[in-house]
């Protein structure tokens, strides 16, 4: 697992506990902060998943990844020239 994936899961768990504590203590600010932390954790985990997928793709198919990268550079170059 990538660092981002681990951080994302940790944030989701902490956010869930924080949200539950906020509901138990009837503190809407704490519950909202927990919900926000859960959302941040999900985004971080999704980013880690994407990085992991790209990394695996590059390791498995380096020439294809190089060709895709070159194509992206060409497209960006054409768009910036306009």
PDB file of N, CA and C in Angstrom:
ATOM      1  N   UNK A   1       0.834  -1.183   0.000  1.00  0.00           N
ATOM      2  CA  UNK A   1       0.000   0.000   0.000  1.00  0.00           C
ATOM      3  C   UNK A   1       0.881   1.250   0.000  1.00  0.00           C
ATOM      4  N   UNK A   2       0.408   2.229  -0.690  1.00  0.00           N
ATOM      5  CA  UNK A   2       1.093   3.516  -0.729  1.00  0.00           C
ATOM      6  C   UNK A   2       0.775   4.303   0.541  1.00  0.00           C
ATOM      7  N   UNK A   3       1.645   5.272   0.831  1.00  0.00           N
ATOM      8  CA  UNK A   3       1.484   6.101   2.020  1.00  0.00           C
ATOM      9  C   UNK A   3       0.131   6.813   2.011  1.00  0.00           C
ATOM     10  N   UNK A   4      -0.291   7.284   0.843  1.00  0.00           N
ATOM     11  CA  UNK A   4      -1.559   8.008   0.749  1.00  0.00           C
ATOM     12  C   UNK A   4      -2.739   7.107   1.082  1.00  0.00           C
ATOM     13  N   UNK A   5      -2.652   5.849   0.664  1.00  0.00           N
ATOM     14  CA  UNK A   5      -3.733   4.919   0.953  1.00  0.00           C
ATOM     15  C   UNK A   5      -3.854   4.694   2.461  1.00  0.00           C
ATOM     16  N   UNK A   6      -2.720   4.521   3.128  1.00  0.00           N
ATOM     17  CA  UNK A   6      -2.727   4.291   4.567  1.00  0.00           C
ATOM     18  C   UNK A   6      -3.248   5.528   5.304  1.00  0.00           C
ATOM     19  N   UNK A   7      -2.782   6.706   4.892  1.00  0.00           N
ATOM     20  CA  UNK A   7      -3.251   7.939   5.520  1.00  0.00           C
ATOM     21  C   UNK A   7      -4.751   8.128   5.308  1.00  0.00           C
ATOM     22  N   UNK A   8      -5.228   7.789   4.125  1.00  0.00           N
ATOM     23  CA  UNK A   8      -6.651   7.922   3.831  1.00  0.00           C
ATOM     24  C   UNK A   8      -7.510   7.027   4.700  1.00  0.00           C
ATOM     25  N   UNK A   9      -7.086   5.782   4.853  1.00  0.00           N
ATOM     26  CA  UNK A   9      -7.840   4.854   5.701  1.00  0.00           C
ATOM     27  C   UNK A   9      -7.812   5.336   7.151  1.00  0.00           C
ATOM     28  N   UNK A  10      -6.651   5.810   7.607  1.00  0.00           N
ATOM     29  CA  UNK A  10      -6.542   6.305   8.979  1.00  0.00           C
ATOM     30  C   UNK A  10      -7.457   7.509   9.198  1.00  0.00           C
ATOM     31  N   UNK A  11      -7.477   8.435   8.253  1.00  0.00           N
ATOM     32  CA  UNK A  11      -8.353   9.604   8.373  1.00  0.00           C
ATOM     33  C   UNK A  11      -9.830   9.203   8.382  1.00  0.00           C
ATOM     34  N   UNK A  12     -10.179   8.222   7.568  1.00  0.00           N
ATOM     35  CA  UNK A  12     -11.573   7.772   7.547  1.00  0.00           C
ATOM     36  C   UNK A  12     -11.973   7.175   8.892  1.00  0.00           C
ATOM     37  N   UNK A  13     -11.090   6.367   9.476  1.00  0.00           N
ATOM     38  CA  UNK A  13     -11.394   5.731  10.764  1.00  0.00           C
ATOM     39  C   UNK A  13     -11.484   6.784  11.871  1.00  0.00           C
ATOM     40  N   UNK A  14     -10.515   7.703  11.893  1.00  0.00           N
ATOM     41  CA  UNK A  14     -10.527   8.762  12.904  1.00  0.00           C
ATOM     42  C   UNK A  14     -11.760   9.646  12.726  1.00  0.00           C
ATOM     43  N   UNK A  15     -12.092   9.964  11.487  1.00  0.00           N
ATOM     44  CA  UNK A  15     -13.271  10.777  11.225  1.00  0.00           C
ATOM     45  C   UNK A  15     -14.553  10.103  11.666  1.00  0.00           C
ATOM     46  N   UNK A  16     -14.628   8.797  11.452  1.00  0.00           N
ATOM     47  CA  UNK A  16     -15.824   8.064  11.865  1.00  0.00           C
ATOM     48  C   UNK A  16     -15.959   8.082  13.386  1.00  0.00           C
ATOM     49  N   UNK A  17     -14.844   7.883  14.083  1.00  0.00           N
ATOM     50  CA  UNK A  17     -14.870   7.921  15.545  1.00  0.00           C
ATOM     51  C   UNK A  17     -15.223   9.327  16.034  1.00  0.00           C
ATOM     52  N   UNK A  18     -14.669  10.328  15.393  1.00  0.00           N
ATOM     53  CA  UNK A  18     -14.937  11.713  15.770  1.00  0.00           C
ATOM     54  C   UNK A  18     -16.414  12.058  15.537  1.00  0.00           C
ATOM     55  N   UNK A  19     -16.945  11.600  14.432  1.00  0.00           N
ATOM     56  CA  UNK A  19     -18.356  11.847  14.122  1.00  0.00           C
ATOM     57  C   UNK A  19     -19.261  11.156  15.141  1.00  0.00           C
ATOM     58  N   UNK A  20     -18.928   9.910  15.487  1.00  0.00           N
ATOM     59  CA  UNK A  20     -19.716   9.176  16.475  1.00  0.00           C
ATOM     60  C   UNK A  20     -19.638   9.862  17.841  1.00  0.00           C
ATOM     61  N   UNK A  21     -18.452  10.347  18.199  1.00  0.00           N
ATOM     62  CA  UNK A  21     -18.299  11.047  19.479  1.00  0.00           C
ATOM     63  C   UNK A  21     -19.123  12.333  19.475  1.00  0.00           C
ATOM     64  N   UNK A  22     -19.126  13.027  18.357  1.00  0.00           N
ATOM     65  CA  UNK A  22     -19.916  14.252  18.250  1.00  0.00           C
ATOM     66  C   UNK A  22     -21.403  13.991  18.405  1.00  0.00           C
ATOM     67  N   UNK A  23     -21.868  12.903  17.808  1.00  0.00           N
ATOM     68  CA  UNK A  23     -23.285  12.555  17.935  1.00  0.00           C
ATOM     69  C   UNK A  23     -23.612  12.126  19.361  1.00  0.00           C
ATOM     70  N   UNK A  24     -22.698  11.356  19.982  1.00  0.00           N
ATOM     71  CA  UNK A  24     -22.922  10.892  21.349  1.00  0.00           C
ATOM     72  C   UNK A  24     -22.945  12.062  22.331  1.00  0.00           C
ATOM     73  N   UNK A  25     -22.041  13.002  22.130  1.00  0.00           N
ATOM     74  CA  UNK A  25     -21.943  14.160  23.018  1.00  0.00           C
ATOM     75  C   UNK A  25     -22.881  15.298  22.614  1.00  0.00           C
ATOM     76  N   UNK A  26     -23.636  15.069  21.540  1.00  0.00           N
ATOM     77  CA  UNK A  26     -24.560  16.067  21.001  1.00  0.00           C
ATOM     78  C   UNK A  26     -23.840  17.372  20.673  1.00  0.00           C
ATOM     79  N   UNK A  27     -22.682  17.215  20.033  1.00  0.00           N
ATOM     80  CA  UNK A  27     -21.858  18.349  19.603  1.00  0.00           C
ATOM     81  C   UNK A  27     -21.846  18.359  18.071  1.00  0.00           C
ATOM     82  N   UNK A  28     -22.687  19.191  17.447  1.00  0.00           N
ATOM     83  CA  UNK A  28     -22.779  19.170  15.982  1.00  0.00           C
ATOM     84  C   UNK A  28     -21.476  19.600  15.288  1.00  0.00           C
ATOM     85  N   UNK A  29     -20.702  20.468  15.932  1.00  0.00           N
ATOM     86  CA  UNK A  29     -19.435  20.896  15.328  1.00  0.00           C
ATOM     87  C   UNK A  29     -18.452  19.730  15.256  1.00  0.00           C
ATOM     88  N   UNK A  30     -18.380  18.954  16.326  1.00  0.00           N
ATOM     89  CA  UNK A  30     -17.479  17.797  16.353  1.00  0.00           C
ATOM     90  C   UNK A  30     -17.934  16.745  15.348  1.00  0.00           C
ATOM     91  N   UNK A  31     -19.245  16.529  15.247  1.00  0.00           N
ATOM     92  CA  UNK A  31     -19.772  15.565  14.278  1.00  0.00           C
ATOM     93  C   UNK A  31     -19.479  16.017  12.851  1.00  0.00           C
ATOM     94  N   UNK A  32     -19.643  17.303  12.579  1.00  0.00           N
ATOM     95  CA  UNK A  32     -19.371  17.826  11.238  1.00  0.00           C
ATOM     96  C   UNK A  32     -17.882  17.724  10.905  1.00  0.00           C
ATOM     97  N   UNK A  33     -17.040  17.988  11.899  1.00  0.00           N
ATOM     98  CA  UNK A  33     -15.601  17.867  11.682  1.00  0.00           C
ATOM     99  C   UNK A  33     -15.231  16.412  11.379  1.00  0.00           C
ATOM    100  N   UNK A  34     -15.879  15.487  12.056  1.00  0.00           N
ATOM    101  CA  UNK A  34     -15.643  14.072  11.790  1.00  0.00           C
ATOM    102  C   UNK A  34     -16.087  13.670  10.393  1.00  0.00           C
ATOM    103  N   UNK A  35     -17.237  14.187   9.966  1.00  0.00           N
ATOM    104  CA  UNK A  35     -17.723  13.899   8.614  1.00  0.00           C
ATOM    105  C   UNK A  35     -16.762  14.460   7.562  1.00  0.00           C
ATOM    106  N   UNK A  36     -16.265  15.665   7.817  1.00  0.00           N
ATOM    107  CA  UNK A  36     -15.319  16.276   6.881  1.00  0.00           C
ATOM    108  C   UNK A  36     -14.027  15.467   6.828  1.00  0.00           C
ATOM    109  N   UNK A  37     -13.583  14.999   7.972  1.00  0.00           N
ATOM    110  CA  UNK A  37     -12.342  14.212   8.001  1.00  0.00           C
ATOM    111  C   UNK A  37     -12.526  12.893   7.254  1.00  0.00           C
ATOM    112  N   UNK A  38     -13.703  12.305   7.362  1.00  0.00           N
ATOM    113  CA  UNK A  38     -13.991  11.081   6.603  1.00  0.00           C
ATOM    114  C   UNK A  38     -13.907  11.356   5.106  1.00  0.00           C
ATOM    115  N   UNK A  39     -14.458  12.482   4.676  1.00  0.00           N
ATOM    116  CA  UNK A  39     -14.425  12.837   3.255  1.00  0.00           C
ATOM    117  C   UNK A  39     -12.986  13.055   2.786  1.00  0.00           C
ATOM    118  N   UNK A  40     -12.205  13.744   3.601  1.00  0.00           N
ATOM    119  CA  UNK A  40     -10.793  13.960   3.256  1.00  0.00           C
ATOM    120  C   UNK A  40     -10.070  12.620   3.176  1.00  0.00           C
ATOM    121  N   UNK A  41     -10.373  11.738   4.088  1.00  0.00           N
ATOM    122  CA  UNK A  41      -9.756  10.410   4.070  1.00  0.00           C
ATOM    123  C   UNK A  41     -10.101   9.638   2.813  1.00  0.00           C
ATOM    124  N   UNK A  42     -11.350   9.743   2.366  1.00  0.00           N
ATOM    125  CA  UNK A  42     -11.758   9.048   1.144  1.00  0.00           C
ATOM    126  C   UNK A  42     -11.035   9.606  -0.074  1.00  0.00           C
ATOM    127  N   UNK A  43     -10.907  10.936  -0.142  1.00  0.00           N
ATOM    128  CA  UNK A  43     -10.208  11.558  -1.273  1.00  0.00           C
ATOM    129  C   UNK A  43      -8.740  11.156  -1.266  1.00  0.00           C
ATOM    130  N   UNK A  44      -8.112  11.172  -0.088  1.00  0.00           N
ATOM    131  CA  UNK A  44      -6.707  10.793   0.022  1.00  0.00           C
ATOM    132  C   UNK A  44      -6.498   9.341  -0.383  1.00  0.00           C
ATOM    133  N   UNK A  45      -7.398   8.464   0.065  1.00  0.00           N
ATOM    134  CA  UNK A  45      -7.289   7.049  -0.295  1.00  0.00           C
ATOM    135  C   UNK A  45      -7.478   6.853  -1.796  1.00  0.00           C
ATOM    136  N   UNK A  46      -8.427   7.560  -2.379  1.00  0.00           N
ATOM    137  CA  UNK A  46      -8.656   7.453  -3.822  1.00  0.00           C
ATOM    138  C   UNK A  46      -7.438   7.934  -4.603  1.00  0.00           C
ATOM    139  N   UNK A  47      -6.821   9.013  -4.137  1.00  0.00           N
ATOM    140  CA  UNK A  47      -5.583   9.505  -4.766  1.00  0.00           C
ATOM    141  C   UNK A  47      -4.490   8.436  -4.667  1.00  0.00           C
ATOM    142  N   UNK A  48      -4.355   7.820  -3.505  1.00  0.00           N
ATOM    143  CA  UNK A  48      -3.367   6.755  -3.334  1.00  0.00           C
ATOM    144  C   UNK A  48      -3.641   5.569  -4.243  1.00  0.00           C
ATOM    145  N   UNK A  49      -4.919   5.233  -4.400  1.00  0.00           N
ATOM    146  CA  UNK A  49      -5.287   4.140  -5.310  1.00  0.00           C
ATOM    147  C   UNK A  49      -4.886   4.474  -6.743  1.00  0.00           C
ATOM    148  N   UNK A  50      -5.141   5.717  -7.151  1.00  0.00           N
ATOM    149  CA  UNK A  50      -4.792   6.137  -8.512  1.00  0.00           C
ATOM    150  C   UNK A  50      -3.286   6.094  -8.733  1.00  0.00           C
ATOM    151  N   UNK A  51      -2.524   6.589  -7.760  1.00  0.00           N
ATOM    152  CA  UNK A  51      -1.059   6.551  -7.862  1.00  0.00           C
ATOM    153  C   UNK A  51      -0.576   5.119  -7.945  1.00  0.00           C
ATOM    154  N   UNK A  52      -1.165   4.255  -7.149  1.00  0.00           N
ATOM    155  CA  UNK A  52      -0.782   2.844  -7.158  1.00  0.00           C
ATOM    156  C   UNK A  52      -1.089   2.201  -8.507  1.00  0.00           C
ATOM    157  N   UNK A  53      -2.259   2.511  -9.078  1.00  0.00           N
ATOM    158  CA  UNK A  53      -2.632   1.947 -10.377  1.00  0.00           C
ATOM    159  C   UNK A  53      -1.689   2.413 -11.487  1.00  0.00           C
ATOM    160  N   UNK A  54      -1.364   3.697 -11.472  1.00  0.00           N
ATOM    161  CA  UNK A  54      -0.440   4.229 -12.483  1.00  0.00           C
ATOM    162  C   UNK A  54       0.936   3.602 -12.324  1.00  0.00           C
ATOM    163  N   UNK A  55       1.388   3.480 -11.094  1.00  0.00           N
ATOM    164  CA  UNK A  55       2.692   2.879 -10.824  1.00  0.00           C
ATOM    165  C   UNK A  55       2.741   1.432 -11.321  1.00  0.00           C
ATOM    166  N   UNK A  56       1.695   0.681 -11.040  1.00  0.00           N
ATOM    167  CA  UNK A  56       1.645  -0.707 -11.510  1.00  0.00           C
ATOM    168  C   UNK A  56       1.628  -0.778 -13.035  1.00  0.00           C
ATOM    169  N   UNK A  57       0.865   0.116 -13.666  1.00  0.00           N
ATOM    170  CA  UNK A  57       0.790   0.130 -15.126  1.00  0.00           C
ATOM    171  C   UNK A  57       2.157   0.413 -15.737  1.00  0.00           C
ATOM    172  N   UNK A  58       2.879   1.382 -15.168  1.00  0.00           N
ATOM    173  CA  UNK A  58       4.199   1.740 -15.695  1.00  0.00           C
ATOM    174  C   UNK A  58       5.177   0.584 -15.516  1.00  0.00           C
ATOM    175  N   UNK A  59       5.075  -0.121 -14.379  1.00  0.00           N
ATOM    176  CA  UNK A  59       5.968  -1.264 -14.142  1.00  0.00           C
ATOM    177  C   UNK A  59       5.666  -2.422 -15.085  1.00  0.00           C
ATOM    178  N   UNK A  60       4.377  -2.652 -15.366  1.00  0.00           N
ATOM    179  CA  UNK A  60       3.982  -3.776 -16.206  1.00  0.00           C
ATOM    180  C   UNK A  60       4.172  -3.487 -17.697  1.00  0.00           C
ATOM    181  N   UNK A  61       3.938  -2.245 -18.111  1.00  0.00           N
ATOM    182  CA  UNK A  61       3.993  -1.894 -19.532  1.00  0.00           C
ATOM    183  C   UNK A  61       4.752  -0.576 -19.717  1.00  0.00           C
ATOM    184  N   UNK A  62       6.070  -0.608 -19.558  1.00  0.00           N
ATOM    185  CA  UNK A  62       6.831   0.649 -19.624  1.00  0.00           C
ATOM    186  C   UNK A  62       6.797   1.316 -20.993  1.00  0.00           C
ATOM    187  N   UNK A  63       6.822   0.549 -22.077  1.00  0.00           N
ATOM    188  CA  UNK A  63       6.804   1.164 -23.409  1.00  0.00           C
ATOM    189  C   UNK A  63       5.462   1.810 -23.718  1.00  0.00           C
ATOM    190  N   UNK A  64       4.396   1.179 -23.320  1.00  0.00           N
ATOM    191  CA  UNK A  64       3.072   1.751 -23.512  1.00  0.00           C
ATOM    192  C   UNK A  64       2.933   3.034 -22.699  1.00  0.00           C
ATOM    193  N   UNK A  65       3.431   3.006 -21.455  1.00  0.00           N
ATOM    194  CA  UNK A  65       3.369   4.194 -20.611  1.00  0.00           C
ATOM    195  C   UNK A  65       4.181   5.336 -21.223  1.00  0.00           C
ATOM    196  N   UNK A  66       5.329   5.011 -21.802  1.00  0.00           N
ATOM    197  CA  UNK A  66       6.151   6.027 -22.453  1.00  0.00           C
ATOM    198  C   UNK A  66       5.422   6.619 -23.659  1.00  0.00           C
ATOM    199  N   UNK A  67       4.765   5.767 -24.440  1.00  0.00           N
ATOM    200  CA  UNK A  67       4.020   6.239 -25.608  1.00  0.00           C
ATOM    201  C   UNK A  67       2.846   7.140 -25.187  1.00  0.00           C
ATOM    202  N   UNK A  68       2.150   6.748 -24.126  1.00  0.00           N
ATOM    203  CA  UNK A  68       1.033   7.555 -23.634  1.00  0.00           C
ATOM    204  C   UNK A  68       1.550   8.903 -23.135  1.00  0.00           C
ATOM    205  N   UNK A  69       2.654   8.888 -22.418  1.00  0.00           N
ATOM    206  CA  UNK A  69       3.244  10.133 -21.930  1.00  0.00           C
ATOM    207  C   UNK A  69       3.655  11.049 -23.063  1.00  0.00           C
ATOM    208  N   UNK A  70       4.255  10.474 -24.109  1.00  0.00           N
ATOM    209  CA  UNK A  70       4.663  11.273 -25.270  1.00  0.00           C
ATOM    210  C   UNK A  70       3.444  11.865 -25.974  1.00  0.00           C
ATOM    211  N   UNK A  71       2.387  11.089 -26.094  1.00  0.00           N
ATOM    212  CA  UNK A  71       1.170  11.587 -26.733  1.00  0.00           C
ATOM    213  C   UNK A  71       0.571  12.743 -25.934  1.00  0.00           C
ATOM    214  N   UNK A  72       0.581  12.628 -24.622  1.00  0.00           N
ATOM    215  CA  UNK A  72       0.053  13.703 -23.774  1.00  0.00           C
ATOM    216  C   UNK A  72       0.880  14.970 -23.946  1.00  0.00           C
ATOM    217  N   UNK A  73       2.207  14.813 -24.002  1.00  0.00           N
ATOM    218  CA  UNK A  73       3.083  15.974 -24.194  1.00  0.00           C
ATOM    219  C   UNK A  73       2.793  16.651 -25.529  1.00  0.00           C
ATOM    220  N   UNK A  74       2.595  15.865 -26.573  1.00  0.00           N
ATOM    221  CA  UNK A  74       2.297  16.435 -27.885  1.00  0.00           C
ATOM    222  C   UNK A  74       0.973  17.194 -27.889  1.00  0.00           C
ATOM    223  N   UNK A  75      -0.036  16.627 -27.261  1.00  0.00           N
ATOM    224  CA  UNK A  75      -1.344  17.279 -27.216  1.00  0.00           C
ATOM    225  C   UNK A  75      -1.263  18.585 -26.427  1.00  0.00           C
ATOM    226  N   UNK A  76      -0.604  18.548 -25.285  1.00  0.00           N
ATOM    227  CA  UNK A  76      -0.468  19.760 -24.460  1.00  0.00           C
ATOM    228  C   UNK A  76       0.326  20.811 -25.216  1.00  0.00           C
ATOM    229  N   UNK A  77       1.360  20.387 -25.915  1.00  0.00           N
ATOM    230  CA  UNK A  77       2.178  21.304 -26.708  1.00  0.00           C
ATOM    231  C   UNK A  77       1.334  22.001 -27.776  1.00  0.00           C
ATOM    232  N   UNK A  78       0.504  21.236 -28.473  1.00  0.00           N
ATOM    233  CA  UNK A  78      -0.369  21.807 -29.509  1.00  0.00           C
ATOM    234  C   UNK A  78      -1.374  22.785 -28.912  1.00  0.00           C
ATOM    235  N   UNK A  79      -1.914  22.442 -27.756  1.00  0.00           N
ATOM    236  CA  UNK A  79      -2.912  23.307 -27.137  1.00  0.00           C
ATOM    237  C   UNK A  79      -2.284  24.612 -26.650  1.00  0.00           C
ATOM    238  N   UNK A  80      -1.085  24.547 -26.164  1.00  0.00           N
ATOM    239  CA  UNK A  80      -0.428  25.752 -25.653  1.00  0.00           C
ATOM    240  C   UNK A  80       0.065  26.674 -26.754  1.00  0.00           C
ATOM    241  N   UNK A  81       0.278  26.158 -27.939  1.00  0.00           N
ATOM    242  CA  UNK A  81       0.736  26.978 -29.048  1.00  0.00           C
ATOM    243  C   UNK A  81      -0.365  27.885 -29.596  1.00  0.00           C
ATOM    244  N   UNK A  82      -1.602  27.531 -29.362  1.00  0.00           N
ATOM    245  CA  UNK A  82      -2.724  28.304 -29.909  1.00  0.00           C
ATOM    246  C   UNK A  82      -2.935  29.568 -29.183  1.00  0.00           C
TER     247      UNK A  82
END
